[in-house]
Protein backbone atom coordinates (compact mmCIF):
# COMPACT_ATOMS: atom_id res chain seq x y z
CA UNK A 1 22.55 -6.61 -108.91
CA UNK A 2 23.68 -7.43 -112.41
CA UNK A 3 24.17 -4.82 -115.14
CA UNK A 4 24.10 -6.03 -118.74
CA UNK A 5 25.29 -2.95 -120.58
CA UNK A 6 25.15 -4.07 -124.20
CA UNK A 7 21.74 -5.65 -123.62
CA UNK A 8 20.48 -2.51 -121.83
CA UNK A 9 19.19 -4.42 -118.78
CA UNK A 10 19.65 -4.22 -115.00
CA UNK A 11 18.69 -7.28 -112.94
CA UNK A 12 17.59 -6.12 -109.49
CA UNK A 13 18.46 -8.64 -106.78
CA UNK A 14 15.32 -9.05 -104.67
CA UNK A 15 16.37 -11.02 -101.55
CA UNK A 16 15.06 -14.59 -101.17
CA UNK A 17 14.00 -14.94 -104.82
CA UNK A 18 16.84 -17.06 -106.17
CA UNK A 19 19.01 -14.11 -107.20
CA UNK A 20 22.19 -15.76 -105.91
CA UNK A 21 21.67 -18.65 -108.33
CA UNK A 22 20.97 -16.21 -111.18
CA UNK A 23 24.11 -14.28 -110.29
CA UNK A 24 26.15 -17.48 -110.31
CA UNK A 25 24.90 -18.35 -113.78
CA UNK A 26 25.07 -14.90 -115.39
CA UNK A 27 27.94 -13.07 -113.69
CA UNK A 28 30.39 -13.88 -116.53
CA UNK A 29 27.97 -12.29 -119.00
CA UNK A 30 27.39 -9.11 -116.97
CA UNK A 31 29.24 -5.84 -117.47
CA UNK A 32 28.89 -5.09 -113.75
CA UNK A 33 28.31 -7.45 -110.82
CA UNK A 34 27.45 -5.72 -107.54
CA UNK A 35 27.90 -8.35 -104.81
CA UNK A 36 28.95 -6.41 -101.71
CA UNK A 37 27.82 -4.91 -99.45
CA UNK A 38 24.25 -6.31 -99.25
CA UNK A 39 22.84 -2.77 -99.37
CA UNK A 40 24.31 -2.47 -102.87
CA UNK A 41 23.74 -6.03 -104.07
CA UNK A 42 20.08 -5.85 -103.02
CA UNK A 43 19.57 -2.16 -103.81
CA UNK A 44 15.85 -1.39 -104.34
CA UNK A 45 14.60 0.85 -107.10
CA UNK A 46 14.84 4.10 -105.16
CA UNK A 47 18.53 3.46 -104.38
CA UNK A 48 19.25 2.41 -107.95
CA UNK A 49 17.45 5.52 -109.18
CA UNK A 50 19.37 7.78 -106.81
CA UNK A 51 22.87 6.57 -107.52
CA UNK A 52 23.37 4.27 -110.51
CA UNK A 53 20.71 5.41 -112.94
CA UNK A 54 21.89 9.07 -112.99
CA UNK A 55 25.44 7.88 -113.65
CA UNK A 56 24.30 5.74 -116.56
CA UNK A 57 22.25 8.60 -118.00
CA UNK A 58 24.76 11.43 -117.53
CA UNK A 59 28.08 9.70 -118.13
CA UNK A 60 27.02 7.00 -120.58
CA UNK A 61 23.87 8.45 -122.18
CA UNK A 62 21.92 5.25 -121.52
CA UNK A 63 18.97 4.35 -119.30
CA UNK A 64 18.77 0.55 -118.96
CA UNK A 65 15.51 -1.29 -118.46
CA UNK A 66 15.03 -3.02 -115.11
CA UNK A 67 13.95 -6.53 -114.17
CA UNK A 68 12.89 -8.03 -110.84
CA UNK A 69 11.60 -11.38 -109.61
CA UNK A 70 8.77 -11.33 -107.05
CA UNK A 71 7.75 -14.17 -104.77
CA UNK A 72 4.34 -14.81 -103.17
CA UNK A 73 4.43 -12.71 -99.97
CA UNK A 74 3.73 -15.64 -97.63
CA UNK A 75 6.35 -17.82 -99.33
CA UNK A 76 8.79 -14.89 -99.28
CA UNK A 77 8.35 -14.41 -95.53
CA UNK A 78 8.56 -18.18 -95.05
CA UNK A 79 11.95 -18.18 -96.73
CA UNK A 80 13.16 -15.34 -94.51
CA UNK A 81 11.80 -17.08 -91.41
CA UNK A 82 13.58 -20.33 -92.24
CA UNK A 83 16.80 -18.55 -93.24
CA UNK A 84 16.92 -16.71 -89.92
CA UNK A 85 16.21 -19.94 -88.06
CA UNK A 86 19.62 -21.35 -89.00
CA UNK A 87 22.03 -22.42 -86.26
CA UNK A 88 24.55 -19.65 -87.02
CA UNK A 89 22.06 -17.00 -85.82
CA UNK A 90 21.11 -18.61 -82.49
CA UNK A 91 21.44 -15.96 -79.80
CA UNK A 92 21.46 -13.11 -82.35
CA UNK A 93 18.68 -10.51 -82.40
CA UNK A 94 17.80 -11.59 -85.97
CA UNK A 95 17.23 -15.23 -84.99
CA UNK A 96 13.73 -16.69 -85.39
CA UNK A 97 14.59 -19.80 -83.39
CA UNK A 98 12.28 -18.84 -80.50
CA UNK A 99 9.21 -17.69 -82.48
CA UNK A 100 6.75 -19.55 -84.67
CA UNK A 101 5.84 -18.45 -88.18
CA UNK A 102 2.56 -16.80 -87.16
CA UNK A 103 4.43 -14.68 -84.63
CA UNK A 104 7.01 -13.79 -87.26
CA UNK A 105 4.36 -12.63 -89.74
CA UNK A 106 2.49 -10.61 -87.11
CA UNK A 107 5.72 -8.90 -86.09
CA UNK A 108 6.53 -8.15 -89.74
CA UNK A 109 3.15 -6.45 -90.11
CA UNK A 110 3.95 -3.90 -87.40
CA UNK A 111 4.99 -0.37 -88.37
CA UNK A 112 8.33 -0.90 -86.63
CA UNK A 113 8.99 -4.66 -86.47
CA UNK A 114 11.56 -6.22 -84.17
CA UNK A 115 14.95 -6.93 -85.72
CA UNK A 116 14.20 -10.61 -86.42
CA UNK A 117 11.21 -9.65 -88.61
CA UNK A 118 12.66 -6.50 -90.17
CA UNK A 119 13.31 -7.93 -93.65
CA UNK A 120 12.31 -5.08 -95.92
CA UNK A 121 9.74 -5.23 -98.68
CA UNK A 122 9.43 -6.58 -102.20
CA UNK A 123 7.33 -3.55 -103.10
CA UNK A 124 10.45 -1.35 -103.19
CA UNK A 125 11.55 -3.28 -106.29
CA UNK A 126 8.25 -2.68 -108.08
CA UNK A 127 6.55 0.58 -107.09
CA UNK A 128 7.58 4.16 -106.48
CA UNK A 129 6.42 6.13 -103.43
CA UNK A 130 3.05 6.77 -105.08
CA UNK A 131 2.34 3.08 -105.65
CA UNK A 132 3.03 3.26 -109.39
CA UNK A 133 4.90 0.38 -111.02
CA UNK A 134 8.22 1.53 -112.41
CA UNK A 135 10.11 -1.74 -112.94
CA UNK A 136 10.21 -2.56 -116.66
CA UNK A 137 9.96 -6.35 -116.36
CA UNK A 138 8.50 -8.42 -113.53
CA UNK A 139 8.57 -12.19 -113.20
CA UNK A 140 6.97 -14.43 -110.62
CA UNK A 141 9.34 -16.68 -108.68
CA UNK A 142 6.86 -19.50 -109.34
CA UNK A 143 7.32 -19.15 -113.09
CA UNK A 144 11.04 -19.86 -113.53
CA UNK A 145 10.66 -21.13 -117.12
CA UNK A 146 9.33 -17.73 -118.27
CA UNK A 147 12.18 -15.91 -116.52
CA UNK A 148 14.84 -18.19 -117.95
CA UNK A 149 13.35 -18.01 -121.44
CA UNK A 150 13.34 -14.21 -121.30
CA UNK A 151 16.93 -13.98 -120.06
CA UNK A 152 18.26 -16.52 -122.52
CA UNK A 153 16.74 -14.62 -125.44
CA UNK A 154 17.62 -11.15 -124.15
CA UNK A 155 21.22 -12.08 -123.26
CA UNK A 156 21.73 -14.60 -126.05
CA UNK A 157 23.07 -17.23 -123.68
CA UNK A 158 22.16 -20.61 -122.18
CA UNK A 159 21.35 -20.61 -118.47
CA UNK A 160 21.90 -23.53 -116.10
CA UNK A 161 20.94 -22.73 -112.51
CA UNK A 162 22.54 -24.31 -109.44
CA UNK A 163 20.59 -23.92 -106.21
CA UNK A 164 22.54 -21.75 -103.77
CA UNK A 165 21.93 -20.08 -100.39
CA UNK A 166 19.30 -22.68 -99.38
CA UNK A 167 17.26 -22.03 -96.21
CA UNK A 168 16.82 -24.75 -93.54
CA UNK A 169 13.82 -27.07 -93.95
CA UNK A 170 11.46 -26.34 -91.05
CA UNK A 171 7.67 -25.94 -90.76
CA UNK A 172 6.32 -22.48 -91.56
CA UNK A 173 2.53 -22.67 -91.35
CA UNK A 174 0.34 -19.57 -91.33
CA UNK A 175 -3.15 -19.53 -89.83
CA UNK A 176 -6.12 -18.15 -91.81
CA UNK A 177 -6.46 -15.31 -89.30
CA UNK A 178 -2.83 -14.24 -89.57
CA UNK A 179 -2.95 -14.59 -93.35
CA UNK A 180 -5.98 -12.27 -93.46
CA UNK A 181 -4.22 -9.78 -91.19
CA UNK A 182 -1.14 -9.87 -93.42
CA UNK A 183 -3.21 -9.15 -96.51
CA UNK A 184 -5.07 -6.32 -94.78
CA UNK A 185 -2.00 -4.57 -93.38
CA UNK A 186 0.36 -5.10 -96.35
CA UNK A 187 -1.82 -4.92 -99.48
CA UNK A 188 1.01 -3.62 -101.69
CA UNK A 189 3.01 -6.79 -101.04
CA UNK A 190 0.23 -8.78 -102.66
CA UNK A 191 -0.25 -6.16 -105.38
CA UNK A 192 3.43 -6.53 -106.33
CA UNK A 193 3.02 -10.28 -106.66
CA UNK A 194 -0.17 -9.84 -108.69
CA UNK A 195 1.78 -7.58 -111.06
CA UNK A 196 4.39 -10.30 -111.48
CA UNK A 197 1.73 -12.95 -112.08
CA UNK A 198 -0.24 -10.86 -114.55
CA UNK A 199 1.92 -11.80 -117.48
CA UNK A 200 5.50 -12.16 -116.28
CA UNK A 201 6.88 -9.05 -117.96
């Protein structure tokens, strides 16, 4: 998470959406850089609203706008699947080395997924508990130029991204049946992406 105090903006770090590269480029410009632990770096809206936002409002009399980047749900899960397939996780309960992508998606769709497929949700960076959008600005991962243009203008700086935290290159193919099941069981995931694609902001 990056806090740009003078610019009145908080960049929420949605996992697997290139936030590490954004952090690398913009950390020197930020008033606050929350890197560790992951629960703080990748704090969703409800955690931000519970802890940081009240502090900003009460102590500093300011309520910054929020920004998040959302990836297509299938691509997002593909990135998680490939990331957890890396050699360093072999033998760990989070490893996806012994499951294919269809199995990973089906497990993710369960109410209580196994550890290897328990990767959270992008919806927690977009909607409140009633399904209402509360993030100020949303950008689609697919539309990097729009995101960069917005940030450069808002922060009055030039951004040069360096790709970081790259997942292994392995096949991650989803069948039509599993794709349909994913859409039926997790409609808000696709609604969040549609919000991001509906105008990128």
